[in-house]
Amino acid sequence: MSLTSAATLATLDRTGPRRITDLAAVEGVTQPAMTALVRVMEESGLVERRGDASDKRVTLVCLTEAGASYVRTRRQAGVNAFERLIGELTGDEVEALAAALPALKHLAELETQDREGPKQ
């Protein structure tokens, strides 16, 4: 799976259903590229398109249970990899990482805000 596909699934998991135009902007790709990507992920059963109850002209891309499971599995694999690597650090290095956690959390929040843009 491409990084853009994985990032798109993670965005849908975090933010819920989105328009293709919104996903394209968030992921930094063109709308035609996102349309093609959504079509492939739809054929793979990871996403589905649904109508927007508030605007019948709009189609939203939604994560399926298979897509949500994929995101959870990837996240857990990342957690497991970090856990293994942290186990190889010295006590001082682990303490330094723990002290840096608030700043790292803030960086992640800033990055998420930047990728998702203004809330609608």
C-alpha atoms as a PDB file:
ATOM      1  CA  MET A   1       0.000   0.000   0.000  1.00  0.00           C
ATOM      2  CA  SER A   2       1.301   3.457  -0.861  1.00  0.00           C
ATOM      3  CA  LEU A   3       2.046   6.037   1.811  1.00  0.00           C
ATOM      4  CA  THR A   4      -0.720   8.248   0.401  1.00  0.00           C
ATOM      5  CA  SER A   5      -3.224   5.396   0.677  1.00  0.00           C
ATOM      6  CA  ALA A   6      -2.204   4.678   4.262  1.00  0.00           C
ATOM      7  CA  ALA A   7      -2.284   8.384   5.137  1.00  0.00           C
ATOM      8  CA  THR A   8      -5.734   8.751   3.559  1.00  0.00           C
ATOM      9  CA  LEU A   9      -7.078   5.826   5.588  1.00  0.00           C
ATOM     10  CA  ALA A  10      -5.573   7.321   8.756  1.00  0.00           C
ATOM     11  CA  THR A  11      -7.164  10.700   7.965  1.00  0.00           C
ATOM     12  CA  LEU A  12     -10.568   9.069   7.513  1.00  0.00           C
ATOM     13  CA  ASP A  13     -10.077   7.192  10.782  1.00  0.00           C
ATOM     14  CA  ARG A  14      -9.233  10.418  12.658  1.00  0.00           C
ATOM     15  CA  THR A  15     -11.721  12.773  11.036  1.00  0.00           C
ATOM     16  CA  GLY A  16     -14.560  10.633   9.755  1.00  0.00           C
ATOM     17  CA  PRO A  17     -16.114  10.748   6.273  1.00  0.00           C
ATOM     18  CA  ARG A  18     -14.710  13.363   3.898  1.00  0.00           C
ATOM     19  CA  ARG A  19     -15.260  14.647   0.382  1.00  0.00           C
ATOM     20  CA  ILE A  20     -12.704  13.614  -2.216  1.00  0.00           C
ATOM     21  CA  THR A  21     -11.735  17.265  -2.692  1.00  0.00           C
ATOM     22  CA  ASP A  22     -11.037  17.578   1.053  1.00  0.00           C
ATOM     23  CA  LEU A  23      -8.979  14.387   1.084  1.00  0.00           C
ATOM     24  CA  ALA A  24      -6.969  15.570  -1.925  1.00  0.00           C
ATOM     25  CA  ALA A  25      -6.170  18.858  -0.188  1.00  0.00           C
ATOM     26  CA  VAL A  26      -5.260  17.187   3.108  1.00  0.00           C
ATOM     27  CA  GLU A  27      -3.009  14.614   1.446  1.00  0.00           C
ATOM     28  CA  GLY A  28      -1.462  17.093  -0.988  1.00  0.00           C
ATOM     29  CA  VAL A  29      -2.507  15.380  -4.217  1.00  0.00           C
ATOM     30  CA  THR A  30      -4.707  16.390  -7.132  1.00  0.00           C
ATOM     31  CA  GLN A  31      -8.404  15.628  -7.120  1.00  0.00           C
ATOM     32  CA  PRO A  32      -8.078  13.210 -10.089  1.00  0.00           C
ATOM     33  CA  ALA A  33      -5.283  11.365  -8.257  1.00  0.00           C
ATOM     34  CA  MET A  34      -7.400  11.106  -5.096  1.00  0.00           C
ATOM     35  CA  THR A  35     -10.387   9.923  -7.131  1.00  0.00           C
ATOM     36  CA  ALA A  36      -8.261   7.132  -8.611  1.00  0.00           C
ATOM     37  CA  LEU A  37      -6.840   6.263  -5.189  1.00  0.00           C
ATOM     38  CA  VAL A  38     -10.314   6.125  -3.632  1.00  0.00           C
ATOM     39  CA  ARG A  39     -11.490   3.878  -6.475  1.00  0.00           C
ATOM     40  CA  VAL A  40      -8.632   1.420  -5.792  1.00  0.00           C
ATOM     41  CA  MET A  41      -9.261   1.477  -2.032  1.00  0.00           C
ATOM     42  CA  GLU A  42     -12.980   1.031  -2.675  1.00  0.00           C
ATOM     43  CA  GLU A  43     -12.301  -2.017  -4.859  1.00  0.00           C
ATOM     44  CA  SER A  44     -10.115  -3.375  -2.032  1.00  0.00           C
ATOM     45  CA  GLY A  45     -12.976  -2.948   0.435  1.00  0.00           C
ATOM     46  CA  LEU A  46     -11.151  -0.380   2.589  1.00  0.00           C
ATOM     47  CA  VAL A  47     -13.473   2.570   1.889  1.00  0.00           C
ATOM     48  CA  GLU A  48     -16.945   3.153   0.530  1.00  0.00           C
ATOM     49  CA  ARG A  49     -18.778   6.134  -0.889  1.00  0.00           C
ATOM     50  CA  ARG A  50     -21.964   7.356   0.741  1.00  0.00           C
ATOM     51  CA  GLY A  51     -24.285  10.254   0.156  1.00  0.00           C
ATOM     52  CA  ASP A  52     -24.192  13.208   2.530  1.00  0.00           C
ATOM     53  CA  ALA A  53     -27.501  13.479   4.400  1.00  0.00           C
ATOM     54  CA  SER A  54     -27.102  17.258   4.699  1.00  0.00           C
ATOM     55  CA  ASP A  55     -26.404  17.812   0.978  1.00  0.00           C
ATOM     56  CA  LYS A  56     -27.674  15.253  -1.521  1.00  0.00           C
ATOM     57  CA  ARG A  57     -25.240  16.515  -4.175  1.00  0.00           C
ATOM     58  CA  VAL A  58     -22.228  15.469  -2.095  1.00  0.00           C
ATOM     59  CA  THR A  59     -20.588  12.065  -1.886  1.00  0.00           C
ATOM     60  CA  LEU A  60     -18.453  11.256   1.142  1.00  0.00           C
ATOM     61  CA  VAL A  61     -15.655   8.712   1.377  1.00  0.00           C
ATOM     62  CA  CYS A  62     -16.061   6.542   4.486  1.00  0.00           C
ATOM     63  CA  LEU A  63     -13.800   3.991   6.102  1.00  0.00           C
ATOM     64  CA  THR A  64     -15.158   0.441   6.093  1.00  0.00           C
ATOM     65  CA  GLU A  65     -14.577  -1.982   8.960  1.00  0.00           C
ATOM     66  CA  ALA A  66     -11.789  -3.560   6.882  1.00  0.00           C
ATOM     67  CA  GLY A  67     -10.208  -0.132   6.445  1.00  0.00           C
ATOM     68  CA  ALA A  68     -10.481   0.645  10.152  1.00  0.00           C
ATOM     69  CA  SER A  69      -8.947  -2.745  10.954  1.00  0.00           C
ATOM     70  CA  TYR A  70      -6.066  -2.029   8.585  1.00  0.00           C
ATOM     71  CA  VAL A  71      -5.385   1.321  10.299  1.00  0.00           C
ATOM     72  CA  ARG A  72      -5.465  -0.312  13.761  1.00  0.00           C
ATOM     73  CA  THR A  73      -3.095  -3.069  12.608  1.00  0.00           C
ATOM     74  CA  ARG A  74      -0.602  -0.563  11.162  1.00  0.00           C
ATOM     75  CA  ARG A  75      -0.689   1.539  14.301  1.00  0.00           C
ATOM     76  CA  GLN A  76      -0.127  -1.498  16.507  1.00  0.00           C
ATOM     77  CA  ALA A  77       2.809  -2.580  14.332  1.00  0.00           C
ATOM     78  CA  GLY A  78       4.320   0.872  14.832  1.00  0.00           C
ATOM     79  CA  VAL A  79       3.790   0.675  18.585  1.00  0.00           C
ATOM     80  CA  ASN A  80       5.407  -2.762  18.683  1.00  0.00           C
ATOM     81  CA  ALA A  81       8.427  -1.540  16.687  1.00  0.00           C
ATOM     82  CA  PHE A  82       8.943   1.469  18.972  1.00  0.00           C
ATOM     83  CA  GLU A  83       8.502  -0.694  22.058  1.00  0.00           C
ATOM     84  CA  ARG A  84      11.216  -3.054  20.845  1.00  0.00           C
ATOM     85  CA  LEU A  85      13.577  -0.202  19.975  1.00  0.00           C
ATOM     86  CA  ILE A  86      12.990   1.664  23.239  1.00  0.00           C
ATOM     87  CA  GLY A  87      13.869  -1.554  25.048  1.00  0.00           C
ATOM     88  CA  GLU A  88      17.366  -1.230  23.571  1.00  0.00           C
ATOM     89  CA  LEU A  89      17.965   2.266  25.013  1.00  0.00           C
ATOM     90  CA  THR A  90      19.830   3.080  28.197  1.00  0.00           C
ATOM     91  CA  GLY A  91      17.953   4.307  31.260  1.00  0.00           C
ATOM     92  CA  ASP A  92      19.159   7.879  30.650  1.00  0.00           C
ATOM     93  CA  GLU A  93      17.958   7.753  27.055  1.00  0.00           C
ATOM     94  CA  VAL A  94      14.523   6.490  28.131  1.00  0.00           C
ATOM     95  CA  GLU A  95      14.302   9.344  30.671  1.00  0.00           C
ATOM     96  CA  ALA A  96      15.249  11.862  27.968  1.00  0.00           C
ATOM     97  CA  LEU A  97      12.508  10.491  25.714  1.00  0.00           C
ATOM     98  CA  ALA A  98       9.965  10.670  28.531  1.00  0.00           C
ATOM     99  CA  ALA A  99      10.927  14.288  29.206  1.00  0.00           C
ATOM    100  CA  ALA A 100      10.461  15.115  25.518  1.00  0.00           C
ATOM    101  CA  LEU A 101       6.970  13.570  25.258  1.00  0.00           C
ATOM    102  CA  PRO A 102       4.999  16.804  25.868  1.00  0.00           C
ATOM    103  CA  ALA A 103       6.905  18.592  23.096  1.00  0.00           C
ATOM    104  CA  LEU A 104       6.515  15.613  20.734  1.00  0.00           C
ATOM    105  CA  LYS A 105       2.785  15.478  21.448  1.00  0.00           C
ATOM    106  CA  HIS A 106       2.487  19.184  20.649  1.00  0.00           C
ATOM    107  CA  LEU A 107       4.385  18.665  17.372  1.00  0.00           C
ATOM    108  CA  ALA A 108       1.987  15.869  16.402  1.00  0.00           C
ATOM    109  CA  GLU A 109      -0.992  18.114  17.161  1.00  0.00           C
ATOM    110  CA  LEU A 110       0.462  20.920  15.046  1.00  0.00           C
ATOM    111  CA  GLU A 111       1.136  18.543  12.175  1.00  0.00           C
ATOM    112  CA  THR A 112      -2.422  17.169  12.328  1.00  0.00           C
ATOM    113  CA  GLN A 113      -3.873  20.686  12.315  1.00  0.00           C
ATOM    114  CA  ASP A 114      -1.682  21.608   9.366  1.00  0.00           C
ATOM    115  CA  ARG A 115      -2.666  18.489   7.367  1.00  0.00           C
ATOM    116  CA  GLU A 116      -6.377  18.722   8.111  1.00  0.00           C
ATOM    117  CA  GLY A 117      -6.705  22.459   7.646  1.00  0.00           C
ATOM    118  CA  PRO A 118      -9.435  24.500   9.286  1.00  0.00           C
ATOM    119  CA  LYS A 119     -12.314  22.611  10.878  1.00  0.00           C
ATOM    120  CA  GLN A 120     -15.607  22.854   9.013  1.00  0.00           C
END
